[in-house]
Amino acid sequence: MLPENFSKNLSVEVAKIRSELEEEMKRSGYWSQGDLSEEAYHFRQAFAMDTMAFPQWLQFILIPRVDEILGKNGSFPTESMVAAQAVREFDGDDNAGQLVSLLSQFDALINRG
């Protein structure tokens, strides 16, 4: 059985990574200033690949979902593979190295969670 404070520690660590992720997206120019169209939210593919770019998915889907879970003291999924997708999406983009690193840390937290 996991210690009682394990979930609280996970939330604190995820909140830190989430904040760093937003900061890095803004620093590296991946943060959008505008909103997405309503149609963009009607995706059918993983990571909304059919309606938005991966950085948009991070900003408009992943980060708000993490915020929601943190705000409700909810449970995180038992598995995350966001970093693997980030490696594919940002392949050859030297500007995205720190972003991929943060997403790898996020996955490690969730997967051990």
PDB file of N, CA and C in Angstrom:
ATOM      1  N   MET A   1       0.841  -1.184   0.000  1.00  0.00           N
ATOM      2  CA  MET A   1       0.000   0.000   0.000  1.00  0.00           C
ATOM      3  C   MET A   1       0.885   1.246   0.000  1.00  0.00           C
ATOM      4  N   LEU A   2       0.454   2.259  -0.741  1.00  0.00           N
ATOM      5  CA  LEU A   2       1.221   3.502  -0.835  1.00  0.00           C
ATOM      6  C   LEU A   2       1.019   4.351   0.407  1.00  0.00           C
ATOM      7  N   PRO A   3       2.040   5.106   0.803  1.00  0.00           N
ATOM      8  CA  PRO A   3       1.874   6.014   1.941  1.00  0.00           C
ATOM      9  C   PRO A   3       0.769   7.036   1.664  1.00  0.00           C
ATOM     10  N   GLU A   4       0.106   7.487   2.701  1.00  0.00           N
ATOM     11  CA  GLU A   4      -1.017   8.423   2.564  1.00  0.00           C
ATOM     12  C   GLU A   4      -0.618   9.714   1.864  1.00  0.00           C
ATOM     13  N   ASN A   5       0.583  10.193   2.113  1.00  0.00           N
ATOM     14  CA  ASN A   5       1.009  11.467   1.524  1.00  0.00           C
ATOM     15  C   ASN A   5       1.557  11.310   0.107  1.00  0.00           C
ATOM     16  N   PHE A   6       1.578  10.073  -0.422  1.00  0.00           N
ATOM     17  CA  PHE A   6       2.127   9.846  -1.752  1.00  0.00           C
ATOM     18  C   PHE A   6       1.365  10.650  -2.807  1.00  0.00           C
ATOM     19  N   SER A   7       0.045  10.591  -2.761  1.00  0.00           N
ATOM     20  CA  SER A   7      -0.766  11.308  -3.745  1.00  0.00           C
ATOM     21  C   SER A   7      -0.596  12.815  -3.619  1.00  0.00           C
ATOM     22  N   LYS A   8      -0.443  13.307  -2.395  1.00  0.00           N
ATOM     23  CA  LYS A   8      -0.209  14.744  -2.195  1.00  0.00           C
ATOM     24  C   LYS A   8       1.139  15.148  -2.778  1.00  0.00           C
ATOM     25  N   ASN A   9       2.160  14.332  -2.543  1.00  0.00           N
ATOM     26  CA  ASN A   9       3.482  14.615  -3.102  1.00  0.00           C
ATOM     27  C   ASN A   9       3.448  14.585  -4.626  1.00  0.00           C
ATOM     28  N   LEU A  10       2.717  13.631  -5.192  1.00  0.00           N
ATOM     29  CA  LEU A  10       2.587  13.548  -6.644  1.00  0.00           C
ATOM     30  C   LEU A  10       1.946  14.823  -7.179  1.00  0.00           C
ATOM     31  N   SER A  11       0.895  15.278  -6.530  1.00  0.00           N
ATOM     32  CA  SER A  11       0.216  16.501  -6.959  1.00  0.00           C
ATOM     33  C   SER A  11       1.153  17.703  -6.917  1.00  0.00           C
ATOM     34  N   VAL A  12       1.940  17.808  -5.876  1.00  0.00           N
ATOM     35  CA  VAL A  12       2.890  18.924  -5.758  1.00  0.00           C
ATOM     36  C   VAL A  12       3.920  18.859  -6.886  1.00  0.00           C
ATOM     37  N   GLU A  13       4.430  17.674  -7.154  1.00  0.00           N
ATOM     38  CA  GLU A  13       5.435  17.519  -8.207  1.00  0.00           C
ATOM     39  C   GLU A  13       4.842  17.774  -9.590  1.00  0.00           C
ATOM     40  N   VAL A  14       3.627  17.280  -9.823  1.00  0.00           N
ATOM     41  CA  VAL A  14       2.975  17.508 -11.116  1.00  0.00           C
ATOM     42  C   VAL A  14       2.675  18.993 -11.301  1.00  0.00           C
ATOM     43  N   ALA A  15       2.226  19.667 -10.242  1.00  0.00           N
ATOM     44  CA  ALA A  15       1.937  21.105 -10.322  1.00  0.00           C
ATOM     45  C   ALA A  15       3.199  21.890 -10.693  1.00  0.00           C
ATOM     46  N   LYS A  16       4.325  21.487 -10.156  1.00  0.00           N
ATOM     47  CA  LYS A  16       5.592  22.152 -10.468  1.00  0.00           C
ATOM     48  C   LYS A  16       5.947  21.966 -11.946  1.00  0.00           C
ATOM     49  N   ILE A  17       5.847  20.734 -12.435  1.00  0.00           N
ATOM     50  CA  ILE A  17       6.145  20.453 -13.842  1.00  0.00           C
ATOM     51  C   ILE A  17       5.162  21.193 -14.749  1.00  0.00           C
ATOM     52  N   ARG A  18       3.900  21.223 -14.367  1.00  0.00           N
ATOM     53  CA  ARG A  18       2.878  21.908 -15.153  1.00  0.00           C
ATOM     54  C   ARG A  18       3.215  23.392 -15.303  1.00  0.00           C
ATOM     55  N   SER A  19       3.637  24.018 -14.216  1.00  0.00           N
ATOM     56  CA  SER A  19       4.010  25.429 -14.243  1.00  0.00           C
ATOM     57  C   SER A  19       5.235  25.649 -15.130  1.00  0.00           C
ATOM     58  N   GLU A  20       6.221  24.788 -14.982  1.00  0.00           N
ATOM     59  CA  GLU A  20       7.433  24.892 -15.797  1.00  0.00           C
ATOM     60  C   GLU A  20       7.125  24.662 -17.271  1.00  0.00           C
ATOM     61  N   LEU A  21       6.186  23.776 -17.539  1.00  0.00           N
ATOM     62  CA  LEU A  21       5.787  23.500 -18.911  1.00  0.00           C
ATOM     63  C   LEU A  21       5.196  24.742 -19.565  1.00  0.00           C
ATOM     64  N   GLU A  22       4.303  25.409 -18.868  1.00  0.00           N
ATOM     65  CA  GLU A  22       3.715  26.641 -19.416  1.00  0.00           C
ATOM     66  C   GLU A  22       4.789  27.703 -19.637  1.00  0.00           C
ATOM     67  N   GLU A  23       5.640  27.882 -18.666  1.00  0.00           N
ATOM     68  CA  GLU A  23       6.723  28.879 -18.796  1.00  0.00           C
ATOM     69  C   GLU A  23       7.607  28.576 -19.997  1.00  0.00           C
ATOM     70  N   GLU A  24       7.953  27.304 -20.172  1.00  0.00           N
ATOM     71  CA  GLU A  24       8.822  26.919 -21.286  1.00  0.00           C
ATOM     72  C   GLU A  24       8.115  27.094 -22.630  1.00  0.00           C
ATOM     73  N   MET A  25       6.836  26.780 -22.679  1.00  0.00           N
ATOM     74  CA  MET A  25       6.094  26.980 -23.930  1.00  0.00           C
ATOM     75  C   MET A  25       6.059  28.457 -24.303  1.00  0.00           C
ATOM     76  N   LYS A  26       5.889  29.311 -23.327  1.00  0.00           N
ATOM     77  CA  LYS A  26       5.891  30.753 -23.587  1.00  0.00           C
ATOM     78  C   LYS A  26       7.278  31.221 -24.016  1.00  0.00           C
ATOM     79  N   ARG A  27       8.294  30.749 -23.324  1.00  0.00           N
ATOM     80  CA  ARG A  27       9.663  31.151 -23.635  1.00  0.00           C
ATOM     81  C   ARG A  27      10.068  30.723 -25.047  1.00  0.00           C
ATOM     82  N   SER A  28       9.662  29.518 -25.426  1.00  0.00           N
ATOM     83  CA  SER A  28      10.091  28.974 -26.712  1.00  0.00           C
ATOM     84  C   SER A  28       9.169  29.333 -27.875  1.00  0.00           C
ATOM     85  N   GLY A  29       8.097  30.071 -27.600  1.00  0.00           N
ATOM     86  CA  GLY A  29       7.211  30.531 -28.655  1.00  0.00           C
ATOM     87  C   GLY A  29       6.116  29.554 -29.053  1.00  0.00           C
ATOM     88  N   TYR A  30       5.896  28.522 -28.253  1.00  0.00           N
ATOM     89  CA  TYR A  30       4.853  27.545 -28.563  1.00  0.00           C
ATOM     90  C   TYR A  30       3.503  27.885 -27.937  1.00  0.00           C
ATOM     91  N   TRP A  31       3.440  28.893 -27.103  1.00  0.00           N
ATOM     92  CA  TRP A  31       2.192  29.269 -26.426  1.00  0.00           C
ATOM     93  C   TRP A  31       1.379  30.181 -27.333  1.00  0.00           C
ATOM     94  N   SER A  32       0.143  29.812 -27.598  1.00  0.00           N
ATOM     95  CA  SER A  32      -0.742  30.613 -28.449  1.00  0.00           C
ATOM     96  C   SER A  32      -1.422  31.691 -27.628  1.00  0.00           C
ATOM     97  N   GLN A  33      -1.541  32.871 -28.202  1.00  0.00           N
ATOM     98  CA  GLN A  33      -2.232  33.974 -27.524  1.00  0.00           C
ATOM     99  C   GLN A  33      -3.735  33.908 -27.744  1.00  0.00           C
ATOM    100  N   GLY A  34      -4.150  33.367 -28.872  1.00  0.00           N
ATOM    101  CA  GLY A  34      -5.572  33.304 -29.178  1.00  0.00           C
ATOM    102  C   GLY A  34      -6.195  31.984 -28.772  1.00  0.00           C
ATOM    103  N   ASP A  35      -7.512  31.941 -28.859  1.00  0.00           N
ATOM    104  CA  ASP A  35      -8.250  30.724 -28.562  1.00  0.00           C
ATOM    105  C   ASP A  35      -8.388  29.882 -29.819  1.00  0.00           C
ATOM    106  N   LEU A  36      -8.719  28.624 -29.625  1.00  0.00           N
ATOM    107  CA  LEU A  36      -8.989  27.734 -30.746  1.00  0.00           C
ATOM    108  C   LEU A  36     -10.458  27.818 -31.131  1.00  0.00           C
ATOM    109  N   SER A  37     -10.740  27.421 -32.332  1.00  0.00           N
ATOM    110  CA  SER A  37     -12.140  27.352 -32.763  1.00  0.00           C
ATOM    111  C   SER A  37     -12.827  26.211 -32.018  1.00  0.00           C
ATOM    112  N   GLU A  38     -14.127  26.288 -31.921  1.00  0.00           N
ATOM    113  CA  GLU A  38     -14.901  25.226 -31.269  1.00  0.00           C
ATOM    114  C   GLU A  38     -14.685  23.887 -31.976  1.00  0.00           C
ATOM    115  N   GLU A  39     -14.540  23.919 -33.279  1.00  0.00           N
ATOM    116  CA  GLU A  39     -14.334  22.700 -34.060  1.00  0.00           C
ATOM    117  C   GLU A  39     -13.056  21.965 -33.661  1.00  0.00           C
ATOM    118  N   ALA A  40     -12.047  22.701 -33.244  1.00  0.00           N
ATOM    119  CA  ALA A  40     -10.780  22.081 -32.866  1.00  0.00           C
ATOM    120  C   ALA A  40     -10.946  21.106 -31.702  1.00  0.00           C
ATOM    121  N   TYR A  41     -11.946  21.329 -30.882  1.00  0.00           N
ATOM    122  CA  TYR A  41     -12.175  20.471 -29.716  1.00  0.00           C
ATOM    123  C   TYR A  41     -12.958  19.198 -30.059  1.00  0.00           C
ATOM    124  N   HIS A  42     -13.357  19.059 -31.304  1.00  0.00           N
ATOM    125  CA  HIS A  42     -14.084  17.870 -31.741  1.00  0.00           C
ATOM    126  C   HIS A  42     -13.133  16.901 -32.432  1.00  0.00           C
ATOM    127  N   PHE A  43     -12.054  16.586 -31.777  1.00  0.00           N
ATOM    128  CA  PHE A  43     -11.040  15.712 -32.354  1.00  0.00           C
ATOM    129  C   PHE A  43     -11.410  14.242 -32.152  1.00  0.00           C
ATOM    130  N   ARG A  44     -10.816  13.424 -33.009  1.00  0.00           N
ATOM    131  CA  ARG A  44     -11.057  11.979 -32.929  1.00  0.00           C
ATOM    132  C   ARG A  44      -9.759  11.203 -32.764  1.00  0.00           C
ATOM    133  N   GLN A  45      -8.654  11.846 -32.985  1.00  0.00           N
ATOM    134  CA  GLN A  45      -7.371  11.153 -32.917  1.00  0.00           C
ATOM    135  C   GLN A  45      -6.642  11.503 -31.628  1.00  0.00           C
ATOM    136  N   ALA A  46      -5.738  10.617 -31.254  1.00  0.00           N
ATOM    137  CA  ALA A  46      -4.896  10.862 -30.078  1.00  0.00           C
ATOM    138  C   ALA A  46      -4.158  12.180 -30.244  1.00  0.00           C
ATOM    139  N   PHE A  47      -4.024  12.890 -29.164  1.00  0.00           N
ATOM    140  CA  PHE A  47      -3.339  14.181 -29.138  1.00  0.00           C
ATOM    141  C   PHE A  47      -3.986  15.193 -30.091  1.00  0.00           C
ATOM    142  N   ALA A  48      -5.240  14.949 -30.443  1.00  0.00           N
ATOM    143  CA  ALA A  48      -6.013  15.842 -31.323  1.00  0.00           C
ATOM    144  C   ALA A  48      -5.286  16.147 -32.624  1.00  0.00           C
ATOM    145  N   MET A  49      -4.545  15.160 -33.104  1.00  0.00           N
ATOM    146  CA  MET A  49      -3.734  15.368 -34.301  1.00  0.00           C
ATOM    147  C   MET A  49      -4.569  15.739 -35.522  1.00  0.00           C
ATOM    148  N   ASP A  50      -5.870  15.440 -35.489  1.00  0.00           N
ATOM    149  CA  ASP A  50      -6.713  15.752 -36.632  1.00  0.00           C
ATOM    150  C   ASP A  50      -7.285  17.166 -36.600  1.00  0.00           C
ATOM    151  N   THR A  51      -7.135  17.876 -35.476  1.00  0.00           N
ATOM    152  CA  THR A  51      -7.724  19.224 -35.411  1.00  0.00           C
ATOM    153  C   THR A  51      -6.798  20.309 -34.879  1.00  0.00           C
ATOM    154  N   MET A  52      -5.659  19.936 -34.298  1.00  0.00           N
ATOM    155  CA  MET A  52      -4.765  20.959 -33.756  1.00  0.00           C
ATOM    156  C   MET A  52      -3.321  20.474 -33.754  1.00  0.00           C
ATOM    157  N   ALA A  53      -2.412  21.413 -33.677  1.00  0.00           N
ATOM    158  CA  ALA A  53      -0.984  21.096 -33.580  1.00  0.00           C
ATOM    159  C   ALA A  53      -0.678  20.604 -32.163  1.00  0.00           C
ATOM    160  N   PHE A  54       0.367  19.828 -32.019  1.00  0.00           N
ATOM    161  CA  PHE A  54       0.728  19.266 -30.722  1.00  0.00           C
ATOM    162  C   PHE A  54       0.903  20.333 -29.632  1.00  0.00           C
ATOM    163  N   PRO A  55       1.599  21.450 -29.909  1.00  0.00           N
ATOM    164  CA  PRO A  55       1.694  22.479 -28.865  1.00  0.00           C
ATOM    165  C   PRO A  55       0.319  23.018 -28.446  1.00  0.00           C
ATOM    166  N   GLN A  56      -0.605  23.090 -29.388  1.00  0.00           N
ATOM    167  CA  GLN A  56      -1.962  23.517 -29.042  1.00  0.00           C
ATOM    168  C   GLN A  56      -2.623  22.486 -28.131  1.00  0.00           C
ATOM    169  N   TRP A  57      -2.421  21.209 -28.415  1.00  0.00           N
ATOM    170  CA  TRP A  57      -2.978  20.160 -27.561  1.00  0.00           C
ATOM    171  C   TRP A  57      -2.425  20.289 -26.146  1.00  0.00           C
ATOM    172  N   LEU A  58      -1.130  20.539 -26.041  1.00  0.00           N
ATOM    173  CA  LEU A  58      -0.529  20.720 -24.711  1.00  0.00           C
ATOM    174  C   LEU A  58      -1.207  21.880 -23.981  1.00  0.00           C
ATOM    175  N   GLN A  59      -1.353  22.999 -24.667  1.00  0.00           N
ATOM    176  CA  GLN A  59      -1.899  24.217 -24.053  1.00  0.00           C
ATOM    177  C   GLN A  59      -3.388  24.121 -23.764  1.00  0.00           C
ATOM    178  N   PHE A  60      -4.150  23.603 -24.699  1.00  0.00           N
ATOM    179  CA  PHE A  60      -5.606  23.668 -24.582  1.00  0.00           C
ATOM    180  C   PHE A  60      -6.277  22.390 -24.072  1.00  0.00           C
ATOM    181  N   ILE A  61      -5.538  21.287 -24.044  1.00  0.00           N
ATOM    182  CA  ILE A  61      -6.119  20.030 -23.566  1.00  0.00           C
ATOM    183  C   ILE A  61      -5.361  19.515 -22.337  1.00  0.00           C
ATOM    184  N   LEU A  62      -4.060  19.276 -22.486  1.00  0.00           N
ATOM    185  CA  LEU A  62      -3.301  18.679 -21.379  1.00  0.00           C
ATOM    186  C   LEU A  62      -3.244  19.584 -20.154  1.00  0.00           C
ATOM    187  N   ILE A  63      -2.791  20.804 -20.327  1.00  0.00           N
ATOM    188  CA  ILE A  63      -2.617  21.695 -19.173  1.00  0.00           C
ATOM    189  C   ILE A  63      -3.947  21.956 -18.454  1.00  0.00           C
ATOM    190  N   PRO A  64      -5.040  22.262 -19.164  1.00  0.00           N
ATOM    191  CA  PRO A  64      -6.310  22.433 -18.448  1.00  0.00           C
ATOM    192  C   PRO A  64      -6.767  21.157 -17.725  1.00  0.00           C
ATOM    193  N   ARG A  65      -6.498  19.995 -18.323  1.00  0.00           N
ATOM    194  CA  ARG A  65      -6.879  18.729 -17.669  1.00  0.00           C
ATOM    195  C   ARG A  65      -6.066  18.527 -16.396  1.00  0.00           C
ATOM    196  N   VAL A  66      -4.782  18.816 -16.446  1.00  0.00           N
ATOM    197  CA  VAL A  66      -3.941  18.727 -15.244  1.00  0.00           C
ATOM    198  C   VAL A  66      -4.452  19.701 -14.193  1.00  0.00           C
ATOM    199  N   ASP A  67      -4.773  20.924 -14.604  1.00  0.00           N
ATOM    200  CA  ASP A  67      -5.310  21.915 -13.664  1.00  0.00           C
ATOM    201  C   ASP A  67      -6.596  21.416 -13.008  1.00  0.00           C
ATOM    202  N   GLU A  68      -7.451  20.790 -13.805  1.00  0.00           N
ATOM    203  CA  GLU A  68      -8.714  20.267 -13.289  1.00  0.00           C
ATOM    204  C   GLU A  68      -8.469  19.179 -12.244  1.00  0.00           C
ATOM    205  N   ILE A  69      -7.578  18.254 -12.545  1.00  0.00           N
ATOM    206  CA  ILE A  69      -7.268  17.178 -11.605  1.00  0.00           C
ATOM    207  C   ILE A  69      -6.670  17.752 -10.330  1.00  0.00           C
ATOM    208  N   LEU A  70      -5.750  18.693 -10.458  1.00  0.00           N
ATOM    209  CA  LEU A  70      -5.133  19.310  -9.283  1.00  0.00           C
ATOM    210  C   LEU A  70      -6.167  20.068  -8.456  1.00  0.00           C
ATOM    211  N   GLY A  71      -7.046  20.797  -9.129  1.00  0.00           N
ATOM    212  CA  GLY A  71      -8.050  21.601  -8.444  1.00  0.00           C
ATOM    213  C   GLY A  71      -9.062  20.771  -7.672  1.00  0.00           C
ATOM    214  N   LYS A  72      -9.332  19.585  -8.156  1.00  0.00           N
ATOM    215  CA  LYS A  72     -10.313  18.709  -7.509  1.00  0.00           C
ATOM    216  C   LYS A  72      -9.667  17.647  -6.628  1.00  0.00           C
ATOM    217  N   ASN A  73      -8.341  17.718  -6.475  1.00  0.00           N
ATOM    218  CA  ASN A  73      -7.610  16.652  -5.783  1.00  0.00           C
ATOM    219  C   ASN A  73      -7.977  15.295  -6.354  1.00  0.00           C
ATOM    220  N   GLY A  74      -8.106  15.263  -7.673  1.00  0.00           N
ATOM    221  CA  GLY A  74      -8.494  14.047  -8.366  1.00  0.00           C
ATOM    222  C   GLY A  74      -7.327  13.109  -8.574  1.00  0.00           C
ATOM    223  N   SER A  75      -7.617  12.034  -9.243  1.00  0.00           N
ATOM    224  CA  SER A  75      -6.598  11.029  -9.540  1.00  0.00           C
ATOM    225  C   SER A  75      -6.072  11.230 -10.953  1.00  0.00           C
ATOM    226  N   PHE A  76      -4.789  11.084 -11.090  1.00  0.00           N
ATOM    227  CA  PHE A  76      -4.169  11.162 -12.408  1.00  0.00           C
ATOM    228  C   PHE A  76      -4.299   9.806 -13.092  1.00  0.00           C
ATOM    229  N   PRO A  77      -4.223   9.799 -14.419  1.00  0.00           N
ATOM    230  CA  PRO A  77      -4.226   8.505 -15.118  1.00  0.00           C
ATOM    231  C   PRO A  77      -3.058   7.659 -14.618  1.00  0.00           C
ATOM    232  N   THR A  78      -3.108   6.388 -14.881  1.00  0.00           N
ATOM    233  CA  THR A  78      -2.041   5.497 -14.421  1.00  0.00           C
ATOM    234  C   THR A  78      -0.885   5.428 -15.409  1.00  0.00           C
ATOM    235  N   GLU A  79      -1.076   6.012 -16.586  1.00  0.00           N
ATOM    236  CA  GLU A  79      -0.044   5.945 -17.610  1.00  0.00           C
ATOM    237  C   GLU A  79      -0.060   7.212 -18.464  1.00  0.00           C
ATOM    238  N   SER A  80       1.120   7.660 -18.856  1.00  0.00           N
ATOM    239  CA  SER A  80       1.242   8.801 -19.756  1.00  0.00           C
ATOM    240  C   SER A  80       2.368   8.536 -20.742  1.00  0.00           C
ATOM    241  N   MET A  81       2.108   8.896 -21.997  1.00  0.00           N
ATOM    242  CA  MET A  81       3.114   8.751 -23.047  1.00  0.00           C
ATOM    243  C   MET A  81       3.242  10.046 -23.843  1.00  0.00           C
ATOM    244  N   VAL A  82       3.065  11.163 -23.160  1.00  0.00           N
ATOM    245  CA  VAL A  82       3.132  12.466 -23.807  1.00  0.00           C
ATOM    246  C   VAL A  82       4.537  12.735 -24.341  1.00  0.00           C
ATOM    247  N   ALA A  83       5.547  12.323 -23.611  1.00  0.00           N
ATOM    248  CA  ALA A  83       6.924  12.584 -24.034  1.00  0.00           C
ATOM    249  C   ALA A  83       7.258  11.866 -25.335  1.00  0.00           C
ATOM    250  N   ALA A  84       6.763  10.653 -25.487  1.00  0.00           N
ATOM    251  CA  ALA A  84       7.023   9.910 -26.729  1.00  0.00           C
ATOM    252  C   ALA A  84       6.448  10.668 -27.922  1.00  0.00           C
ATOM    253  N   GLN A  85       5.251  11.213 -27.754  1.00  0.00           N
ATOM    254  CA  GLN A  85       4.650  12.007 -28.832  1.00  0.00           C
ATOM    255  C   GLN A  85       5.454  13.286 -29.056  1.00  0.00           C
ATOM    256  N   ALA A  86       5.911  13.890 -27.979  1.00  0.00           N
ATOM    257  CA  ALA A  86       6.710  15.117 -28.094  1.00  0.00           C
ATOM    258  C   ALA A  86       7.993  14.861 -28.876  1.00  0.00           C
ATOM    259  N   VAL A  87       8.629  13.732 -28.627  1.00  0.00           N
ATOM    260  CA  VAL A  87       9.856  13.392 -29.360  1.00  0.00           C
ATOM    261  C   VAL A  87       9.552  13.314 -30.852  1.00  0.00           C
ATOM    262  N   ARG A  88       8.437  12.688 -31.208  1.00  0.00           N
ATOM    263  CA  ARG A  88       8.052  12.596 -32.633  1.00  0.00           C
ATOM    264  C   ARG A  88       7.722  13.966 -33.210  1.00  0.00           C
ATOM    265  N   GLU A  89       6.942  14.731 -32.477  1.00  0.00           N
ATOM    266  CA  GLU A  89       6.481  16.031 -32.979  1.00  0.00           C
ATOM    267  C   GLU A  89       7.606  17.052 -33.107  1.00  0.00           C
ATOM    268  N   PHE A  90       8.531  17.026 -32.173  1.00  0.00           N
ATOM    269  CA  PHE A  90       9.583  18.041 -32.141  1.00  0.00           C
ATOM    270  C   PHE A  90      10.921  17.540 -32.682  1.00  0.00           C
ATOM    271  N   ASP A  91      10.907  16.422 -33.373  1.00  0.00           N
ATOM    272  CA  ASP A  91      12.133  15.855 -33.927  1.00  0.00           C
ATOM    273  C   ASP A  91      12.844  16.894 -34.797  1.00  0.00           C
ATOM    274  N   GLY A  92      14.087  17.168 -34.467  1.00  0.00           N
ATOM    275  CA  GLY A  92      14.884  18.120 -35.230  1.00  0.00           C
ATOM    276  C   GLY A  92      14.705  19.568 -34.820  1.00  0.00           C
ATOM    277  N   ASP A  93      13.842  19.828 -33.854  1.00  0.00           N
ATOM    278  CA  ASP A  93      13.595  21.199 -33.394  1.00  0.00           C
ATOM    279  C   ASP A  93      14.443  21.458 -32.140  1.00  0.00           C
ATOM    280  N   ASP A  94      15.568  22.124 -32.335  1.00  0.00           N
ATOM    281  CA  ASP A  94      16.477  22.387 -31.217  1.00  0.00           C
ATOM    282  C   ASP A  94      15.841  23.263 -30.143  1.00  0.00           C
ATOM    283  N   ASN A  95      14.828  24.015 -30.501  1.00  0.00           N
ATOM    284  CA  ASN A  95      14.146  24.915 -29.584  1.00  0.00           C
ATOM    285  C   ASN A  95      13.251  24.166 -28.589  1.00  0.00           C
ATOM    286  N   ALA A  96      12.996  22.881 -28.840  1.00  0.00           N
ATOM    287  CA  ALA A  96      12.034  22.136 -28.034  1.00  0.00           C
ATOM    288  C   ALA A  96      12.677  21.175 -27.041  1.00  0.00           C
ATOM    289  N   GLY A  97      13.976  21.185 -26.911  1.00  0.00           N
ATOM    290  CA  GLY A  97      14.659  20.232 -26.030  1.00  0.00           C
ATOM    291  C   GLY A  97      14.190  20.281 -24.589  1.00  0.00           C
ATOM    292  N   GLN A  98      14.064  21.460 -24.027  1.00  0.00           N
ATOM    293  CA  GLN A  98      13.625  21.601 -22.643  1.00  0.00           C
ATOM    294  C   GLN A  98      12.165  21.184 -22.493  1.00  0.00           C
ATOM    295  N   LEU A  99      11.368  21.470 -23.480  1.00  0.00           N
ATOM    296  CA  LEU A  99       9.958  21.075 -23.469  1.00  0.00           C
ATOM    297  C   LEU A  99       9.836  19.547 -23.436  1.00  0.00           C
ATOM    298  N   VAL A 100      10.588  18.874 -24.274  1.00  0.00           N
ATOM    299  CA  VAL A 100      10.587  17.401 -24.289  1.00  0.00           C
ATOM    300  C   VAL A 100      11.073  16.865 -22.943  1.00  0.00           C
ATOM    301  N   SER A 101      12.081  17.482 -22.386  1.00  0.00           N
ATOM    302  CA  SER A 101      12.590  17.058 -21.079  1.00  0.00           C
ATOM    303  C   SER A 101      11.518  17.184 -19.990  1.00  0.00           C
ATOM    304  N   LEU A 102      10.800  18.292 -19.981  1.00  0.00           N
ATOM    305  CA  LEU A 102       9.735  18.489 -18.998  1.00  0.00           C
ATOM    306  C   LEU A 102       8.614  17.461 -19.178  1.00  0.00           C
ATOM    307  N   LEU A 103       8.280  17.161 -20.409  1.00  0.00           N
ATOM    308  CA  LEU A 103       7.238  16.170 -20.660  1.00  0.00           C
ATOM    309  C   LEU A 103       7.703  14.776 -20.267  1.00  0.00           C
ATOM    310  N   SER A 104       8.989  14.506 -20.403  1.00  0.00           N
ATOM    311  CA  SER A 104       9.542  13.233 -19.926  1.00  0.00           C
ATOM    312  C   SER A 104       9.442  13.133 -18.411  1.00  0.00           C
ATOM    313  N   GLN A 105       9.717  14.234 -17.730  1.00  0.00           N
ATOM    314  CA  GLN A 105       9.574  14.257 -16.276  1.00  0.00           C
ATOM    315  C   GLN A 105       8.110  14.064 -15.875  1.00  0.00           C
ATOM    316  N   PHE A 106       7.202  14.691 -16.613  1.00  0.00           N
ATOM    317  CA  PHE A 106       5.767  14.539 -16.367  1.00  0.00           C
ATOM    318  C   PHE A 106       5.371  13.073 -16.489  1.00  0.00           C
ATOM    319  N   ASP A 107       5.784  12.431 -17.586  1.00  0.00           N
ATOM    320  CA  ASP A 107       5.466  11.016 -17.785  1.00  0.00           C
ATOM    321  C   ASP A 107       6.023  10.155 -16.652  1.00  0.00           C
ATOM    322  N   ALA A 108       7.243  10.424 -16.259  1.00  0.00           N
ATOM    323  CA  ALA A 108       7.857   9.639 -15.167  1.00  0.00           C
ATOM    324  C   ALA A 108       7.047   9.758 -13.889  1.00  0.00           C
ATOM    325  N   LEU A 109       6.581  10.938 -13.578  1.00  0.00           N
ATOM    326  CA  LEU A 109       5.759  11.136 -12.373  1.00  0.00           C
ATOM    327  C   LEU A 109       4.449  10.362 -12.465  1.00  0.00           C
ATOM    328  N   ILE A 110       3.771  10.495 -13.587  1.00  0.00           N
ATOM    329  CA  ILE A 110       2.477   9.842 -13.760  1.00  0.00           C
ATOM    330  C   ILE A 110       2.644   8.318 -13.773  1.00  0.00           C
ATOM    331  N   ASN A 111       3.646   7.839 -14.473  1.00  0.00           N
ATOM    332  CA  ASN A 111       3.836   6.401 -14.618  1.00  0.00           C
ATOM    333  C   ASN A 111       4.264   5.718 -13.321  1.00  0.00           C
ATOM    334  N   ARG A 112       4.890   6.452 -12.436  1.00  0.00           N
ATOM    335  CA  ARG A 112       5.244   5.852 -11.145  1.00  0.00           C
ATOM    336  C   ARG A 112       4.125   6.042 -10.133  1.00  0.00           C
ATOM    337  N   GLY A 113       3.207   7.014 -10.463  1.00  0.00           N
ATOM    338  CA  GLY A 113       2.133   7.448  -9.607  1.00  0.00           C
ATOM    339  C   GLY A 113       1.294   6.418  -8.985  1.00  0.00           C
TER     340      GLY A 113
END
